[in-house]
Amino acid sequence: MRTIEEIAKERKSLVRQWQALNGRTDPEAKQKMEELGARSNETEKEIEALREAASEAPRFFMLKPREHKKEGDRRWLAVASGILVTVFVVFLLTIILKRADTGVKWRGPIERSPRTYLAVTPYVLALAPQAVGKASATPAVSSTAPAPPKGLRVVAASEIPEVAIIRKGEGIEHAFIRQLIVDPARKIIIVDREGRTFDLSFSGHLNDKNAVRKWAETTAGVISYRCGYVDAKGNEVRVKAPNVVAYLLQADNDGNVIGVKECPKDKDGQFQTAPELTHFQKFAKNFGDIKFKGSDPKNLGSYEYPHTKV
């Protein structure tokens, strides 16, 4: 991997080449200037990402051994509570259904009054949510998307991560920033025009919220560019209305970002997740594969529109 000084030297060379072509009006010069500008923007983002990565501590210092033990205790408590509730409910239903089917009267001090079960049930059920709540107090968004269902499937809005939904006054990049902040373990690998590979994954301390946010904001811009939601000229794809579509980052089994799944709402206000009702926008790992989605209206969803920078 190159150093910051090497990338900065390349960027200066790109700027000098762009300045040399400035003022020419022939198509060949304009195309060359666009390519130089795009590469210059990439080098600037690469420098920023490397500076952030170099200023942070290794991520394996995030949790102390005592914190690992507490997390394990909470999970065991949640599992034990779930088993207890399941056994109790099955036992109660078995007795009730057996007596109802056979017509046998209630016998014994406990069987004589089913109200005993009804009185105890709220206390038993109250234990499980508390234990589960402690164990899942800090949920994380999975970096690997689940396998899509074979048939048509419509899910409620509550099943779509809130961080992926475009809100009022936001762009698509805002959804990427929030998802990266929630799950900074995602891997972002890019290859530049010359075939050099860069790892823009977060390598700092996960408890440093400011460092995570700065990295997420920088990396979200790279993802937007590589997925074709923005181009080197500043043009972008925008959403027509808030709360109508979610842009879910998708990753492979190794955690590498491979694209974005666009999940729009239907007329009933429910988000679509079935492959035939969603759109997958591929992440261009190689520089030559980058294509601006807004260049052709046929590529846009009904919830999107192209915005040209003035």
C-alpha atoms as a PDB file:
ATOM      1  CA  MET A   1       0.000   0.000   0.000  1.00  0.00           C
ATOM      2  CA  ARG A   2       1.308   3.482  -0.863  1.00  0.00           C
ATOM      3  CA  THR A   3       2.150   6.157   1.674  1.00  0.00           C
ATOM      4  CA  ILE A   4       0.399   9.507   2.055  1.00  0.00           C
ATOM      5  CA  GLU A   5       3.437  11.281   0.584  1.00  0.00           C
ATOM      6  CA  GLU A   6       3.305   9.142  -2.572  1.00  0.00           C
ATOM      7  CA  ILE A   7      -0.403   9.791  -3.053  1.00  0.00           C
ATOM      8  CA  ALA A   8       0.064  13.547  -2.440  1.00  0.00           C
ATOM      9  CA  LYS A   9       2.860  13.619  -5.020  1.00  0.00           C
ATOM     10  CA  GLU A  10       0.596  11.944  -7.558  1.00  0.00           C
ATOM     11  CA  ARG A  11      -2.198  14.420  -6.804  1.00  0.00           C
ATOM     12  CA  LYS A  12       0.106  17.385  -7.454  1.00  0.00           C
ATOM     13  CA  SER A  13       1.046  15.844 -10.778  1.00  0.00           C
ATOM     14  CA  LEU A  14      -2.632  15.416 -11.668  1.00  0.00           C
ATOM     15  CA  VAL A  15      -3.353  19.061 -10.819  1.00  0.00           C
ATOM     16  CA  ARG A  16      -0.478  20.252 -13.008  1.00  0.00           C
ATOM     17  CA  GLN A  17      -1.725  18.161 -15.924  1.00  0.00           C
ATOM     18  CA  TRP A  18      -5.259  19.512 -15.449  1.00  0.00           C
ATOM     19  CA  GLN A  19      -3.998  23.114 -15.373  1.00  0.00           C
ATOM     20  CA  ALA A  20      -2.011  22.520 -18.550  1.00  0.00           C
ATOM     21  CA  LEU A  21      -5.181  21.437 -20.361  1.00  0.00           C
ATOM     22  CA  ASN A  22      -7.378  24.183 -18.902  1.00  0.00           C
ATOM     23  CA  GLY A  23      -8.578  26.535 -21.600  1.00  0.00           C
ATOM     24  CA  ARG A  24      -8.609  24.023 -24.430  1.00  0.00           C
ATOM     25  CA  THR A  25     -12.010  23.370 -25.981  1.00  0.00           C
ATOM     26  CA  ASP A  26     -11.389  20.236 -28.049  1.00  0.00           C
ATOM     27  CA  PRO A  27     -13.290  17.094 -26.915  1.00  0.00           C
ATOM     28  CA  GLU A  28     -10.119  15.123 -26.282  1.00  0.00           C
ATOM     29  CA  ALA A  29      -8.856  17.733 -23.821  1.00  0.00           C
ATOM     30  CA  LYS A  30     -12.217  17.929 -22.032  1.00  0.00           C
ATOM     31  CA  GLN A  31     -12.348  14.151 -21.619  1.00  0.00           C
ATOM     32  CA  LYS A  32      -8.794  14.096 -20.288  1.00  0.00           C
ATOM     33  CA  MET A  33      -9.637  16.897 -17.803  1.00  0.00           C
ATOM     34  CA  GLU A  34     -12.637  14.933 -16.529  1.00  0.00           C
ATOM     35  CA  GLU A  35     -10.486  11.862 -15.976  1.00  0.00           C
ATOM     36  CA  LEU A  36      -7.822  13.903 -14.197  1.00  0.00           C
ATOM     37  CA  GLY A  37     -10.448  15.534 -11.998  1.00  0.00           C
ATOM     38  CA  ALA A  38     -11.986  12.179 -11.047  1.00  0.00           C
ATOM     39  CA  ARG A  39      -8.620  10.696 -10.169  1.00  0.00           C
ATOM     40  CA  SER A  40      -7.686  13.832  -8.182  1.00  0.00           C
ATOM     41  CA  ASN A  41     -10.849  13.493  -6.104  1.00  0.00           C
ATOM     42  CA  GLU A  42     -10.031   9.839  -5.436  1.00  0.00           C
ATOM     43  CA  THR A  43      -6.520  10.631  -4.272  1.00  0.00           C
ATOM     44  CA  GLU A  44      -7.861  13.293  -1.903  1.00  0.00           C
ATOM     45  CA  LYS A  45     -10.246  10.764  -0.322  1.00  0.00           C
ATOM     46  CA  GLU A  46      -7.489   8.176  -0.121  1.00  0.00           C
ATOM     47  CA  ILE A  47      -5.212  10.611   1.710  1.00  0.00           C
ATOM     48  CA  GLU A  48      -7.964  11.484   4.186  1.00  0.00           C
ATOM     49  CA  ALA A  49      -8.741   7.805   4.829  1.00  0.00           C
ATOM     50  CA  LEU A  50      -5.089   6.931   5.385  1.00  0.00           C
ATOM     51  CA  ARG A  51      -4.629   9.860   7.779  1.00  0.00           C
ATOM     52  CA  GLU A  52      -7.595   8.743   9.837  1.00  0.00           C
ATOM     53  CA  ALA A  53      -6.373   5.160   9.901  1.00  0.00           C
ATOM     54  CA  ALA A  54      -2.861   6.169  10.921  1.00  0.00           C
ATOM     55  CA  SER A  55      -4.038   8.282  13.859  1.00  0.00           C
ATOM     56  CA  GLU A  56      -6.038   5.564  15.598  1.00  0.00           C
ATOM     57  CA  ALA A  57      -5.134   2.609  17.848  1.00  0.00           C
ATOM     58  CA  PRO A  58      -5.677  -1.047  16.764  1.00  0.00           C
ATOM     59  CA  ARG A  59      -9.299  -2.145  17.039  1.00  0.00           C
ATOM     60  CA  PHE A  60      -8.559  -5.250  19.141  1.00  0.00           C
ATOM     61  CA  PHE A  61      -8.124  -2.993  22.201  1.00  0.00           C
ATOM     62  CA  MET A  62     -11.822  -2.093  22.045  1.00  0.00           C
ATOM     63  CA  LEU A  63     -13.125  -4.425  24.777  1.00  0.00           C
ATOM     64  CA  LYS A  64     -11.523  -5.410  28.059  1.00  0.00           C
ATOM     65  CA  PRO A  65     -11.676  -9.029  29.298  1.00  0.00           C
ATOM     66  CA  ARG A  66     -14.139  -8.055  32.018  1.00  0.00           C
ATOM     67  CA  GLU A  67     -16.486  -6.550  29.426  1.00  0.00           C
ATOM     68  CA  HIS A  68     -16.332  -9.770  27.395  1.00  0.00           C
ATOM     69  CA  LYS A  69     -17.333 -11.746  30.503  1.00  0.00           C
ATOM     70  CA  LYS A  70     -20.290  -9.452  31.214  1.00  0.00           C
ATOM     71  CA  GLU A  71     -21.509  -9.797  27.643  1.00  0.00           C
ATOM     72  CA  GLY A  72     -21.316 -13.586  27.924  1.00  0.00           C
ATOM     73  CA  ASP A  73     -23.259 -13.592  31.208  1.00  0.00           C
ATOM     74  CA  ARG A  74     -26.029 -11.513  29.626  1.00  0.00           C
ATOM     75  CA  ARG A  75     -26.374 -13.885  26.705  1.00  0.00           C
ATOM     76  CA  TRP A  76     -26.603 -16.921  28.981  1.00  0.00           C
ATOM     77  CA  LEU A  77     -29.239 -15.150  31.065  1.00  0.00           C
ATOM     78  CA  ALA A  78     -31.280 -14.413  27.941  1.00  0.00           C
ATOM     79  CA  VAL A  79     -31.055 -18.046  26.774  1.00  0.00           C
ATOM     80  CA  ALA A  80     -32.006 -19.437  30.191  1.00  0.00           C
ATOM     81  CA  SER A  81     -34.976 -17.070  30.483  1.00  0.00           C
ATOM     82  CA  GLY A  82     -36.195 -18.010  27.013  1.00  0.00           C
ATOM     83  CA  ILE A  83     -36.041 -21.723  27.825  1.00  0.00           C
ATOM     84  CA  LEU A  84     -37.874 -21.188  31.126  1.00  0.00           C
ATOM     85  CA  VAL A  85     -40.695 -19.253  29.480  1.00  0.00           C
ATOM     86  CA  THR A  86     -41.052 -21.829  26.692  1.00  0.00           C
ATOM     87  CA  VAL A  87     -41.256 -24.769  29.095  1.00  0.00           C
ATOM     88  CA  PHE A  88     -43.785 -23.002  31.310  1.00  0.00           C
ATOM     89  CA  VAL A  89     -46.068 -22.013  28.415  1.00  0.00           C
ATOM     90  CA  VAL A  90     -45.967 -25.520  26.889  1.00  0.00           C
ATOM     91  CA  PHE A  91     -46.728 -27.082  30.285  1.00  0.00           C
ATOM     92  CA  LEU A  92     -49.661 -24.735  30.869  1.00  0.00           C
ATOM     93  CA  LEU A  93     -51.184 -25.258  27.419  1.00  0.00           C
ATOM     94  CA  THR A  94     -50.768 -29.030  27.641  1.00  0.00           C
ATOM     95  CA  ILE A  95     -52.767 -29.210  30.876  1.00  0.00           C
ATOM     96  CA  ILE A  96     -55.501 -26.867  29.660  1.00  0.00           C
ATOM     97  CA  LEU A  97     -55.959 -28.627  26.316  1.00  0.00           C
ATOM     98  CA  LYS A  98     -55.899 -32.088  27.896  1.00  0.00           C
ATOM     99  CA  ARG A  99     -58.648 -31.198  30.362  1.00  0.00           C
ATOM    100  CA  ALA A 100     -60.687 -29.527  27.636  1.00  0.00           C
ATOM    101  CA  ASP A 101     -60.458 -32.525  25.277  1.00  0.00           C
ATOM    102  CA  THR A 102     -61.201 -35.254  27.848  1.00  0.00           C
ATOM    103  CA  GLY A 103     -63.739 -33.374  29.925  1.00  0.00           C
ATOM    104  CA  VAL A 104     -61.913 -34.356  33.136  1.00  0.00           C
ATOM    105  CA  LYS A 105     -62.524 -31.965  35.996  1.00  0.00           C
ATOM    106  CA  TRP A 106     -59.659 -30.029  37.588  1.00  0.00           C
ATOM    107  CA  ARG A 107     -58.039 -31.990  40.403  1.00  0.00           C
ATOM    108  CA  GLY A 108     -55.368 -31.304  42.967  1.00  0.00           C
ATOM    109  CA  PRO A 109     -54.547 -28.006  44.725  1.00  0.00           C
ATOM    110  CA  ILE A 110     -52.973 -26.465  41.585  1.00  0.00           C
ATOM    111  CA  GLU A 111     -55.153 -28.028  38.895  1.00  0.00           C
ATOM    112  CA  ARG A 112     -58.264 -27.024  40.818  1.00  0.00           C
ATOM    113  CA  SER A 113     -57.746 -23.378  39.905  1.00  0.00           C
ATOM    114  CA  PRO A 114     -56.328 -22.406  36.505  1.00  0.00           C
ATOM    115  CA  ARG A 115     -56.211 -18.865  37.845  1.00  0.00           C
ATOM    116  CA  THR A 116     -53.021 -19.935  39.619  1.00  0.00           C
ATOM    117  CA  TYR A 117     -51.267 -20.149  36.253  1.00  0.00           C
ATOM    118  CA  LEU A 118     -52.776 -16.882  35.075  1.00  0.00           C
ATOM    119  CA  ALA A 119     -51.508 -15.166  38.209  1.00  0.00           C
ATOM    120  CA  VAL A 120     -47.955 -16.489  37.861  1.00  0.00           C
ATOM    121  CA  THR A 121     -47.621 -16.060  34.094  1.00  0.00           C
ATOM    122  CA  PRO A 122     -47.089 -12.234  34.061  1.00  0.00           C
ATOM    123  CA  TYR A 123     -44.180 -12.529  36.495  1.00  0.00           C
ATOM    124  CA  VAL A 124     -42.478 -15.273  34.497  1.00  0.00           C
ATOM    125  CA  LEU A 125     -42.953 -13.461  31.192  1.00  0.00           C
ATOM    126  CA  ALA A 126     -41.634 -10.242  32.728  1.00  0.00           C
ATOM    127  CA  LEU A 127     -38.243 -11.859  33.360  1.00  0.00           C
ATOM    128  CA  ALA A 128     -37.466 -12.714  29.742  1.00  0.00           C
ATOM    129  CA  PRO A 129     -37.776  -9.240  28.130  1.00  0.00           C
ATOM    130  CA  GLN A 130     -35.500  -7.713  30.793  1.00  0.00           C
ATOM    131  CA  ALA A 131     -32.810 -10.319  30.261  1.00  0.00           C
ATOM    132  CA  VAL A 132     -33.064 -10.172  26.490  1.00  0.00           C
ATOM    133  CA  GLY A 133     -33.075  -6.375  26.593  1.00  0.00           C
ATOM    134  CA  LYS A 134     -29.786  -6.323  28.512  1.00  0.00           C
ATOM    135  CA  ALA A 135     -28.183  -8.823  26.190  1.00  0.00           C
ATOM    136  CA  SER A 136     -29.196  -6.853  23.084  1.00  0.00           C
ATOM    137  CA  ALA A 137     -28.802  -3.309  24.416  1.00  0.00           C
ATOM    138  CA  THR A 138     -26.338  -2.473  21.649  1.00  0.00           C
ATOM    139  CA  PRO A 139     -27.564  -4.243  18.503  1.00  0.00           C
ATOM    140  CA  ALA A 140     -25.383  -4.215  15.413  1.00  0.00           C
ATOM    141  CA  VAL A 141     -26.456  -4.245  11.784  1.00  0.00           C
ATOM    142  CA  SER A 142     -25.200  -7.355  10.081  1.00  0.00           C
ATOM    143  CA  SER A 143     -22.536  -6.670   7.467  1.00  0.00           C
ATOM    144  CA  THR A 144     -23.683  -9.666   5.427  1.00  0.00           C
ATOM    145  CA  ALA A 145     -27.108  -9.542   3.807  1.00  0.00           C
ATOM    146  CA  PRO A 146     -29.364 -12.595   4.350  1.00  0.00           C
ATOM    147  CA  ALA A 147     -30.140 -14.795   1.377  1.00  0.00           C
ATOM    148  CA  PRO A 148     -33.154 -13.399  -0.513  1.00  0.00           C
ATOM    149  CA  PRO A 149     -36.369 -15.468  -0.367  1.00  0.00           C
ATOM    150  CA  LYS A 150     -37.397 -17.486  -3.387  1.00  0.00           C
ATOM    151  CA  GLY A 151     -40.944 -16.139  -3.579  1.00  0.00           C
ATOM    152  CA  LEU A 152     -42.602 -12.779  -3.184  1.00  0.00           C
ATOM    153  CA  ARG A 153     -42.057 -11.312   0.243  1.00  0.00           C
ATOM    154  CA  VAL A 154     -43.280  -8.011   1.644  1.00  0.00           C
ATOM    155  CA  VAL A 155     -41.972  -6.883   5.020  1.00  0.00           C
ATOM    156  CA  ALA A 156     -43.128  -4.181   7.397  1.00  0.00           C
ATOM    157  CA  ALA A 157     -41.186  -0.949   7.805  1.00  0.00           C
ATOM    158  CA  SER A 158     -40.031  -2.083  11.245  1.00  0.00           C
ATOM    159  CA  GLU A 159     -37.959  -4.876   9.638  1.00  0.00           C
ATOM    160  CA  ILE A 160     -35.899  -2.411   7.593  1.00  0.00           C
ATOM    161  CA  PRO A 161     -33.022  -0.782   9.561  1.00  0.00           C
ATOM    162  CA  GLU A 162     -33.995   2.782  10.366  1.00  0.00           C
ATOM    163  CA  VAL A 163     -30.478   3.943   9.499  1.00  0.00           C
ATOM    164  CA  ALA A 164     -30.961   2.875   5.859  1.00  0.00           C
ATOM    165  CA  ILE A 165     -34.120   4.930   5.207  1.00  0.00           C
ATOM    166  CA  ILE A 166     -33.718   8.301   3.476  1.00  0.00           C
ATOM    167  CA  ARG A 167     -35.271  11.025   5.632  1.00  0.00           C
ATOM    168  CA  LYS A 168     -36.474  14.538   4.855  1.00  0.00           C
ATOM    169  CA  GLY A 169     -33.762  16.781   3.450  1.00  0.00           C
ATOM    170  CA  GLU A 170     -31.252  13.939   3.092  1.00  0.00           C
ATOM    171  CA  GLY A 171     -29.317  12.402   0.239  1.00  0.00           C
ATOM    172  CA  ILE A 172     -28.477   8.767  -0.374  1.00  0.00           C
ATOM    173  CA  GLU A 173     -25.048   9.262   1.166  1.00  0.00           C
ATOM    174  CA  HIS A 174     -26.622  10.006   4.584  1.00  0.00           C
ATOM    175  CA  ALA A 175     -27.941   6.428   4.756  1.00  0.00           C
ATOM    176  CA  PHE A 176     -24.456   5.075   4.032  1.00  0.00           C
ATOM    177  CA  ILE A 177     -22.910   7.227   6.765  1.00  0.00           C
ATOM    178  CA  ARG A 178     -25.353   5.968   9.398  1.00  0.00           C
ATOM    179  CA  GLN A 179     -24.882   2.314   8.421  1.00  0.00           C
ATOM    180  CA  LEU A 180     -21.087   2.634   8.536  1.00  0.00           C
ATOM    181  CA  ILE A 181     -21.272   4.258  11.973  1.00  0.00           C
ATOM    182  CA  VAL A 182     -23.453   1.434  13.287  1.00  0.00           C
ATOM    183  CA  ASP A 183     -21.204  -1.241  11.763  1.00  0.00           C
ATOM    184  CA  PRO A 184     -17.675   0.090  11.114  1.00  0.00           C
ATOM    185  CA  ALA A 185     -16.367  -3.453  10.618  1.00  0.00           C
ATOM    186  CA  ARG A 186     -17.350  -3.355   6.958  1.00  0.00           C
ATOM    187  CA  LYS A 187     -14.474  -3.674   4.486  1.00  0.00           C
ATOM    188  CA  ILE A 188     -14.052  -1.289   1.558  1.00  0.00           C
ATOM    189  CA  ILE A 189     -11.436  -2.309  -1.016  1.00  0.00           C
ATOM    190  CA  ILE A 190     -10.883  -0.243  -4.183  1.00  0.00           C
ATOM    191  CA  VAL A 191      -8.555  -0.459  -7.169  1.00  0.00           C
ATOM    192  CA  ASP A 192      -7.434   2.737  -8.901  1.00  0.00           C
ATOM    193  CA  ARG A 193      -6.869   3.408 -12.603  1.00  0.00           C
ATOM    194  CA  GLU A 194      -3.352   2.010 -12.475  1.00  0.00           C
ATOM    195  CA  GLY A 195      -4.382  -1.238 -10.786  1.00  0.00           C
ATOM    196  CA  ARG A 196      -3.208  -0.331  -7.289  1.00  0.00           C
ATOM    197  CA  THR A 197      -5.317  -1.662  -4.411  1.00  0.00           C
ATOM    198  CA  PHE A 198      -6.362   0.442  -1.418  1.00  0.00           C
ATOM    199  CA  ASP A 199      -8.029  -0.749   1.775  1.00  0.00           C
ATOM    200  CA  LEU A 200     -10.278   2.022   3.125  1.00  0.00           C
ATOM    201  CA  SER A 201     -11.648  -0.082   5.997  1.00  0.00           C
ATOM    202  CA  PHE A 202     -11.715   1.459   9.466  1.00  0.00           C
ATOM    203  CA  SER A 203      -8.655   0.496  11.513  1.00  0.00           C
ATOM    204  CA  GLY A 204      -9.039   2.768  14.527  1.00  0.00           C
ATOM    205  CA  HIS A 205     -10.570   2.326  17.968  1.00  0.00           C
ATOM    206  CA  LEU A 206     -14.274   1.492  17.707  1.00  0.00           C
ATOM    207  CA  ASN A 207     -15.041   3.387  20.919  1.00  0.00           C
ATOM    208  CA  ASP A 208     -13.766   6.643  19.399  1.00  0.00           C
ATOM    209  CA  LYS A 209     -17.054   7.995  18.047  1.00  0.00           C
ATOM    210  CA  ASN A 210     -15.492  11.053  16.405  1.00  0.00           C
ATOM    211  CA  ALA A 211     -12.971   8.943  14.487  1.00  0.00           C
ATOM    212  CA  VAL A 212     -15.691   6.519  13.390  1.00  0.00           C
ATOM    213  CA  ARG A 213     -17.904   9.369  12.181  1.00  0.00           C
ATOM    214  CA  LYS A 214     -15.104  11.040  10.202  1.00  0.00           C
ATOM    215  CA  TRP A 215     -14.207   7.734   8.586  1.00  0.00           C
ATOM    216  CA  ALA A 216     -17.880   6.998   7.818  1.00  0.00           C
ATOM    217  CA  GLU A 217     -18.395  10.390   6.162  1.00  0.00           C
ATOM    218  CA  THR A 218     -15.295   9.983   3.985  1.00  0.00           C
ATOM    219  CA  THR A 219     -15.985   6.360   3.093  1.00  0.00           C
ATOM    220  CA  ALA A 220     -19.657   7.008   2.331  1.00  0.00           C
ATOM    221  CA  GLY A 221     -18.529   9.434  -0.366  1.00  0.00           C
ATOM    222  CA  VAL A 222     -16.339   6.738  -1.924  1.00  0.00           C
ATOM    223  CA  ILE A 223     -19.227   4.253  -1.867  1.00  0.00           C
ATOM    224  CA  SER A 224     -21.592   6.782  -3.451  1.00  0.00           C
ATOM    225  CA  TYR A 225     -19.087   7.439  -6.244  1.00  0.00           C
ATOM    226  CA  ARG A 226     -18.215   3.783  -6.808  1.00  0.00           C
ATOM    227  CA  CYS A 227     -21.904   2.773  -6.856  1.00  0.00           C
ATOM    228  CA  GLY A 228     -22.740   5.477  -9.391  1.00  0.00           C
ATOM    229  CA  TYR A 229     -24.897   7.752  -7.233  1.00  0.00           C
ATOM    230  CA  VAL A 230     -22.547  10.715  -7.869  1.00  0.00           C
ATOM    231  CA  ASP A 231     -20.014  11.519 -10.568  1.00  0.00           C
ATOM    232  CA  ALA A 232     -16.803  13.512 -10.778  1.00  0.00           C
ATOM    233  CA  LYS A 233     -18.678  16.609 -12.008  1.00  0.00           C
ATOM    234  CA  GLY A 234     -20.849  16.850  -8.896  1.00  0.00           C
ATOM    235  CA  ASN A 235     -24.009  15.458 -10.505  1.00  0.00           C
ATOM    236  CA  GLU A 236     -25.948  13.058  -8.299  1.00  0.00           C
ATOM    237  CA  VAL A 237     -28.989  10.803  -7.964  1.00  0.00           C
ATOM    238  CA  ARG A 238     -31.557  12.085  -5.456  1.00  0.00           C
ATOM    239  CA  VAL A 239     -34.713  10.700  -3.846  1.00  0.00           C
ATOM    240  CA  LYS A 240     -38.043  12.333  -4.693  1.00  0.00           C
ATOM    241  CA  ALA A 241     -39.657  12.042  -1.243  1.00  0.00           C
ATOM    242  CA  PRO A 242     -38.571  11.096   2.299  1.00  0.00           C
ATOM    243  CA  ASN A 243     -39.310   7.756   3.975  1.00  0.00           C
ATOM    244  CA  VAL A 244     -40.177   5.959   0.729  1.00  0.00           C
ATOM    245  CA  VAL A 245     -37.023   3.930   0.070  1.00  0.00           C
ATOM    246  CA  ALA A 246     -34.157   2.318   1.989  1.00  0.00           C
ATOM    247  CA  TYR A 247     -30.623   1.901   0.649  1.00  0.00           C
ATOM    248  CA  LEU A 248     -29.101  -1.171   2.331  1.00  0.00           C
ATOM    249  CA  LEU A 249     -25.350  -1.745   2.079  1.00  0.00           C
ATOM    250  CA  GLN A 250     -24.681  -5.319   0.962  1.00  0.00           C
ATOM    251  CA  ALA A 251     -21.544  -7.332   1.747  1.00  0.00           C
ATOM    252  CA  ASP A 252     -20.157 -10.762   0.929  1.00  0.00           C
ATOM    253  CA  ASN A 253     -19.316 -13.478   3.446  1.00  0.00           C
ATOM    254  CA  ASP A 254     -15.985 -11.808   4.191  1.00  0.00           C
ATOM    255  CA  GLY A 255     -17.600  -8.455   5.003  1.00  0.00           C
ATOM    256  CA  ASN A 256     -16.515  -6.712   1.778  1.00  0.00           C
ATOM    257  CA  VAL A 257     -19.037  -4.157   0.496  1.00  0.00           C
ATOM    258  CA  ILE A 258     -20.308  -5.363  -2.883  1.00  0.00           C
ATOM    259  CA  GLY A 259     -23.218  -3.018  -3.549  1.00  0.00           C
ATOM    260  CA  VAL A 260     -26.470  -1.449  -2.414  1.00  0.00           C
ATOM    261  CA  LYS A 261     -29.957  -2.962  -2.278  1.00  0.00           C
ATOM    262  CA  GLU A 262     -32.700  -0.410  -2.946  1.00  0.00           C
ATOM    263  CA  CYS A 263     -35.926  -1.336  -1.104  1.00  0.00           C
ATOM    264  CA  PRO A 264     -38.861   0.967  -2.026  1.00  0.00           C
ATOM    265  CA  LYS A 265     -42.253   1.150  -0.336  1.00  0.00           C
ATOM    266  CA  ASP A 266     -45.383  -0.081  -2.066  1.00  0.00           C
ATOM    267  CA  LYS A 267     -48.771   1.643  -2.125  1.00  0.00           C
ATOM    268  CA  ASP A 268     -49.594   0.140   1.279  1.00  0.00           C
ATOM    269  CA  GLY A 269     -46.547   1.746   2.886  1.00  0.00           C
ATOM    270  CA  GLN A 270     -44.542  -1.475   3.231  1.00  0.00           C
ATOM    271  CA  PHE A 271     -40.937  -1.913   2.166  1.00  0.00           C
ATOM    272  CA  GLN A 272     -40.188  -4.465  -0.549  1.00  0.00           C
ATOM    273  CA  THR A 273     -37.320  -6.953  -0.142  1.00  0.00           C
ATOM    274  CA  ALA A 274     -38.051  -9.587  -2.784  1.00  0.00           C
ATOM    275  CA  PRO A 275     -35.456  -9.551  -5.621  1.00  0.00           C
ATOM    276  CA  GLU A 276     -38.096  -8.930  -8.276  1.00  0.00           C
ATOM    277  CA  LEU A 277     -39.304  -5.789  -6.464  1.00  0.00           C
ATOM    278  CA  THR A 278     -35.921  -4.299  -5.512  1.00  0.00           C
ATOM    279  CA  HIS A 279     -32.866  -3.026  -7.349  1.00  0.00           C
ATOM    280  CA  PHE A 280     -29.234  -3.981  -6.703  1.00  0.00           C
ATOM    281  CA  GLN A 281     -26.659  -1.292  -7.479  1.00  0.00           C
ATOM    282  CA  LYS A 282     -23.199  -2.856  -7.801  1.00  0.00           C
ATOM    283  CA  PHE A 283     -20.133  -1.419  -6.050  1.00  0.00           C
ATOM    284  CA  ALA A 284     -17.428  -0.835  -8.676  1.00  0.00           C
ATOM    285  CA  LYS A 285     -14.250  -2.111  -7.059  1.00  0.00           C
ATOM    286  CA  ASN A 286     -12.227  -1.319 -10.187  1.00  0.00           C
ATOM    287  CA  PHE A 287     -11.994   2.265 -11.421  1.00  0.00           C
ATOM    288  CA  GLY A 288     -12.885   1.315 -14.988  1.00  0.00           C
ATOM    289  CA  ASP A 289     -16.234  -0.141 -13.900  1.00  0.00           C
ATOM    290  CA  ILE A 290     -17.604   3.101 -12.441  1.00  0.00           C
ATOM    291  CA  LYS A 291     -20.823   4.200 -14.182  1.00  0.00           C
ATOM    292  CA  PHE A 292     -23.008   7.129 -13.151  1.00  0.00           C
ATOM    293  CA  LYS A 293     -26.544   5.838 -12.615  1.00  0.00           C
ATOM    294  CA  GLY A 294     -28.141   9.177 -13.464  1.00  0.00           C
ATOM    295  CA  SER A 295     -26.673   9.294 -16.964  1.00  0.00           C
ATOM    296  CA  ASP A 296     -29.599   7.230 -18.283  1.00  0.00           C
ATOM    297  CA  PRO A 297     -33.163   7.737 -16.949  1.00  0.00           C
ATOM    298  CA  LYS A 298     -33.866   4.043 -17.571  1.00  0.00           C
ATOM    299  CA  ASN A 299     -31.468   3.162 -14.766  1.00  0.00           C
ATOM    300  CA  LEU A 300     -33.382   5.202 -12.182  1.00  0.00           C
ATOM    301  CA  GLY A 301     -36.121   3.910  -9.920  1.00  0.00           C
ATOM    302  CA  SER A 302     -39.537   5.552  -9.740  1.00  0.00           C
ATOM    303  CA  TYR A 303     -38.419   7.088  -6.422  1.00  0.00           C
ATOM    304  CA  GLU A 304     -35.250   8.692  -7.870  1.00  0.00           C
ATOM    305  CA  TYR A 305     -34.374  11.609 -10.148  1.00  0.00           C
ATOM    306  CA  PRO A 306     -31.080  12.966 -11.563  1.00  0.00           C
ATOM    307  CA  HIS A 307     -29.753  16.264 -10.246  1.00  0.00           C
ATOM    308  CA  THR A 308     -27.321  18.245 -12.387  1.00  0.00           C
ATOM    309  CA  LYS A 309     -24.842  20.486 -10.601  1.00  0.00           C
ATOM    310  CA  VAL A 310     -25.142  24.079 -11.769  1.00  0.00           C
END
